[in-house]
Amino acid sequence: MVKVEFLGPINKEALNVEISNLNELGALLKEDQDVSKWLETCAVAVNDTLVVSKDVALSDGDKVSLLPPVCGG
């Protein structure tokens, strides 16, 4: 299982899913109306390391974090 956490204003409980890469996660999350609007603007971290490729392989026990953009001052 891969744990998926949603940070900041996404405001959704973490999920545990059986996926092998970020492409599969993207396809799964596009079906969720609450999350799909965030997909294009979020940064993604795997095990607390930012990634840019959706081809990142995921293993059992990995954690994926969706980090929405924030404003601050």
N, C-alpha and C. Protein backbone atom coordinates (compact mmCIF):
# COMPACT_ATOMS: atom_id res chain seq x y z
N MET A 1 0.83 -1.19 0.00
CA MET A 1 0.00 0.00 0.00
C MET A 1 0.87 1.25 0.00
N VAL A 2 0.42 2.25 -0.70
CA VAL A 2 1.05 3.56 -0.74
C VAL A 2 0.12 4.54 -0.04
N LYS A 3 0.66 5.31 0.88
CA LYS A 3 -0.14 6.32 1.58
C LYS A 3 -0.08 7.62 0.79
N VAL A 4 -1.24 8.21 0.54
CA VAL A 4 -1.32 9.48 -0.17
C VAL A 4 -1.90 10.50 0.79
N GLU A 5 -1.14 11.57 1.04
CA GLU A 5 -1.63 12.62 1.93
C GLU A 5 -1.82 13.91 1.17
N PHE A 6 -2.84 14.65 1.59
CA PHE A 6 -3.24 15.89 0.94
C PHE A 6 -3.01 17.03 1.92
N LEU A 7 -2.11 17.93 1.59
CA LEU A 7 -1.74 18.98 2.53
C LEU A 7 -2.48 20.28 2.26
N GLY A 8 -2.43 21.16 3.23
CA GLY A 8 -3.00 22.50 3.10
C GLY A 8 -4.47 22.52 2.80
N PRO A 9 -4.87 23.40 1.88
CA PRO A 9 -6.31 23.63 1.64
C PRO A 9 -7.03 22.51 0.90
N ILE A 10 -6.33 21.47 0.49
CA ILE A 10 -7.04 20.37 -0.19
C ILE A 10 -8.04 19.74 0.78
N ASN A 11 -7.66 19.65 2.04
CA ASN A 11 -8.58 19.26 3.11
C ASN A 11 -9.27 17.92 2.82
N LYS A 12 -8.48 16.88 2.60
CA LYS A 12 -9.01 15.54 2.36
C LYS A 12 -8.21 14.56 3.21
N GLU A 13 -8.90 13.57 3.74
CA GLU A 13 -8.24 12.54 4.54
C GLU A 13 -7.25 11.76 3.67
N ALA A 14 -6.19 11.26 4.29
CA ALA A 14 -5.19 10.46 3.58
C ALA A 14 -5.83 9.18 3.04
N LEU A 15 -5.28 8.69 1.93
CA LEU A 15 -5.74 7.45 1.31
C LEU A 15 -4.63 6.42 1.35
N ASN A 16 -4.98 5.17 1.39
CA ASN A 16 -4.04 4.07 1.18
C ASN A 16 -4.48 3.35 -0.08
N VAL A 17 -3.59 3.31 -1.08
CA VAL A 17 -3.96 2.75 -2.38
C VAL A 17 -2.89 1.79 -2.88
N GLU A 18 -3.32 0.88 -3.73
CA GLU A 18 -2.41 -0.06 -4.39
C GLU A 18 -2.07 0.51 -5.76
N ILE A 19 -0.92 1.18 -5.87
CA ILE A 19 -0.47 1.75 -7.14
C ILE A 19 1.03 1.49 -7.27
N SER A 20 1.54 1.55 -8.51
CA SER A 20 2.96 1.30 -8.72
C SER A 20 3.72 2.52 -9.21
N ASN A 21 3.00 3.60 -9.59
CA ASN A 21 3.69 4.83 -10.01
C ASN A 21 2.73 6.02 -9.92
N LEU A 22 3.28 7.20 -10.14
CA LEU A 22 2.47 8.41 -10.00
C LEU A 22 1.46 8.57 -11.13
N ASN A 23 1.72 8.00 -12.29
CA ASN A 23 0.72 8.04 -13.37
C ASN A 23 -0.58 7.36 -12.93
N GLU A 24 -0.45 6.23 -12.26
CA GLU A 24 -1.64 5.53 -11.77
C GLU A 24 -2.37 6.37 -10.72
N LEU A 25 -1.61 7.05 -9.86
CA LEU A 25 -2.23 7.90 -8.85
C LEU A 25 -2.98 9.05 -9.52
N GLY A 26 -2.37 9.67 -10.53
CA GLY A 26 -3.02 10.77 -11.25
C GLY A 26 -4.34 10.34 -11.86
N ALA A 27 -4.36 9.17 -12.47
CA ALA A 27 -5.59 8.66 -13.09
C ALA A 27 -6.66 8.43 -12.03
N LEU A 28 -6.26 7.91 -10.88
CA LEU A 28 -7.20 7.65 -9.79
C LEU A 28 -7.76 8.96 -9.23
N LEU A 29 -6.90 9.94 -9.03
CA LEU A 29 -7.34 11.20 -8.42
C LEU A 29 -8.14 12.09 -9.37
N LYS A 30 -7.98 11.91 -10.67
CA LYS A 30 -8.77 12.68 -11.63
C LYS A 30 -10.26 12.38 -11.50
N GLU A 31 -10.59 11.22 -10.95
CA GLU A 31 -11.98 10.82 -10.77
C GLU A 31 -12.60 11.45 -9.52
N ASP A 32 -11.78 12.04 -8.65
CA ASP A 32 -12.25 12.65 -7.41
C ASP A 32 -12.41 14.15 -7.64
N GLN A 33 -13.63 14.65 -7.67
CA GLN A 33 -13.88 16.06 -7.98
C GLN A 33 -13.23 17.01 -6.99
N ASP A 34 -13.13 16.61 -5.73
CA ASP A 34 -12.52 17.47 -4.72
C ASP A 34 -11.02 17.63 -4.92
N VAL A 35 -10.39 16.64 -5.51
CA VAL A 35 -8.93 16.66 -5.67
C VAL A 35 -8.52 17.04 -7.09
N SER A 36 -9.30 16.67 -8.08
CA SER A 36 -8.89 16.84 -9.47
C SER A 36 -8.53 18.29 -9.82
N LYS A 37 -9.21 19.25 -9.22
CA LYS A 37 -8.92 20.66 -9.51
C LYS A 37 -7.54 21.08 -9.01
N TRP A 38 -6.95 20.33 -8.10
CA TRP A 38 -5.63 20.66 -7.56
C TRP A 38 -4.48 20.01 -8.32
N LEU A 39 -4.76 19.01 -9.12
CA LEU A 39 -3.70 18.18 -9.70
C LEU A 39 -2.70 18.96 -10.55
N GLU A 40 -3.15 19.93 -11.31
CA GLU A 40 -2.25 20.66 -12.20
C GLU A 40 -1.34 21.64 -11.47
N THR A 41 -1.71 22.04 -10.26
CA THR A 41 -0.94 23.07 -9.57
C THR A 41 -0.13 22.55 -8.38
N CYS A 42 -0.35 21.33 -7.98
CA CYS A 42 0.34 20.79 -6.81
C CYS A 42 1.74 20.31 -7.13
N ALA A 43 2.63 20.52 -6.18
CA ALA A 43 3.92 19.85 -6.21
C ALA A 43 3.69 18.47 -5.60
N VAL A 44 4.56 17.52 -5.93
CA VAL A 44 4.40 16.16 -5.42
C VAL A 44 5.71 15.73 -4.77
N ALA A 45 5.58 15.13 -3.60
CA ALA A 45 6.75 14.58 -2.90
C ALA A 45 6.52 13.09 -2.67
N VAL A 46 7.58 12.32 -2.86
CA VAL A 46 7.55 10.90 -2.54
C VAL A 46 8.54 10.69 -1.40
N ASN A 47 8.04 10.20 -0.30
CA ASN A 47 8.87 10.01 0.90
C ASN A 47 9.61 11.28 1.26
N ASP A 48 8.89 12.40 1.22
CA ASP A 48 9.38 13.73 1.61
C ASP A 48 10.43 14.33 0.68
N THR A 49 10.55 13.81 -0.55
CA THR A 49 11.46 14.36 -1.55
C THR A 49 10.64 14.79 -2.76
N LEU A 50 10.76 16.06 -3.16
CA LEU A 50 10.01 16.54 -4.32
C LEU A 50 10.43 15.80 -5.58
N VAL A 51 9.45 15.48 -6.42
CA VAL A 51 9.71 14.79 -7.68
C VAL A 51 9.03 15.57 -8.81
N VAL A 52 9.54 15.40 -10.03
CA VAL A 52 8.95 16.07 -11.18
C VAL A 52 8.41 15.08 -12.21
N SER A 53 8.87 13.85 -12.19
CA SER A 53 8.44 12.85 -13.15
C SER A 53 7.26 12.05 -12.61
N LYS A 54 6.29 11.79 -13.47
CA LYS A 54 5.16 10.95 -13.08
C LYS A 54 5.48 9.47 -13.22
N ASP A 55 6.67 9.16 -13.73
CA ASP A 55 7.08 7.77 -13.91
C ASP A 55 7.81 7.21 -12.70
N VAL A 56 7.83 7.95 -11.60
CA VAL A 56 8.49 7.49 -10.39
C VAL A 56 7.83 6.21 -9.90
N ALA A 57 8.66 5.16 -9.74
CA ALA A 57 8.14 3.88 -9.24
C ALA A 57 7.84 4.01 -7.75
N LEU A 58 6.74 3.40 -7.33
CA LEU A 58 6.34 3.42 -5.93
C LEU A 58 6.34 2.00 -5.39
N SER A 59 6.71 1.88 -4.12
CA SER A 59 6.77 0.58 -3.46
C SER A 59 5.86 0.57 -2.25
N ASP A 60 5.56 -0.62 -1.78
CA ASP A 60 4.76 -0.78 -0.58
C ASP A 60 5.39 0.00 0.56
N GLY A 61 4.59 0.82 1.24
CA GLY A 61 5.09 1.61 2.36
C GLY A 61 5.51 3.02 2.00
N ASP A 62 5.56 3.36 0.70
CA ASP A 62 5.91 4.73 0.30
C ASP A 62 4.81 5.70 0.70
N LYS A 63 5.20 6.98 0.81
CA LYS A 63 4.25 8.04 1.12
C LYS A 63 4.33 9.09 0.01
N VAL A 64 3.19 9.44 -0.55
CA VAL A 64 3.10 10.48 -1.57
C VAL A 64 2.35 11.65 -0.94
N SER A 65 2.90 12.85 -1.08
CA SER A 65 2.26 14.06 -0.53
C SER A 65 1.94 15.01 -1.67
N LEU A 66 0.71 15.50 -1.70
CA LEU A 66 0.33 16.55 -2.65
C LEU A 66 0.39 17.87 -1.93
N LEU A 67 1.23 18.77 -2.47
CA LEU A 67 1.48 20.05 -1.83
C LEU A 67 0.95 21.17 -2.71
N PRO A 68 -0.19 21.75 -2.36
CA PRO A 68 -0.76 22.83 -3.16
C PRO A 68 0.07 24.11 -3.00
N PRO A 69 -0.01 25.00 -4.00
CA PRO A 69 0.68 26.28 -3.87
C PRO A 69 0.05 27.09 -2.73
N VAL A 70 0.87 27.89 -2.08
CA VAL A 70 0.36 28.70 -0.99
C VAL A 70 0.81 30.15 -1.19
N CYS A 71 0.08 31.04 -0.60
CA CYS A 71 0.44 32.46 -0.62
C CYS A 71 0.89 32.83 0.78
N GLY A 72 1.82 33.70 0.84
CA GLY A 72 2.29 34.12 2.15
C GLY A 72 2.97 35.46 2.07
N GLY A 73 3.37 35.92 3.20
CA GLY A 73 4.02 37.21 3.19
C GLY A 73 5.06 37.30 4.25
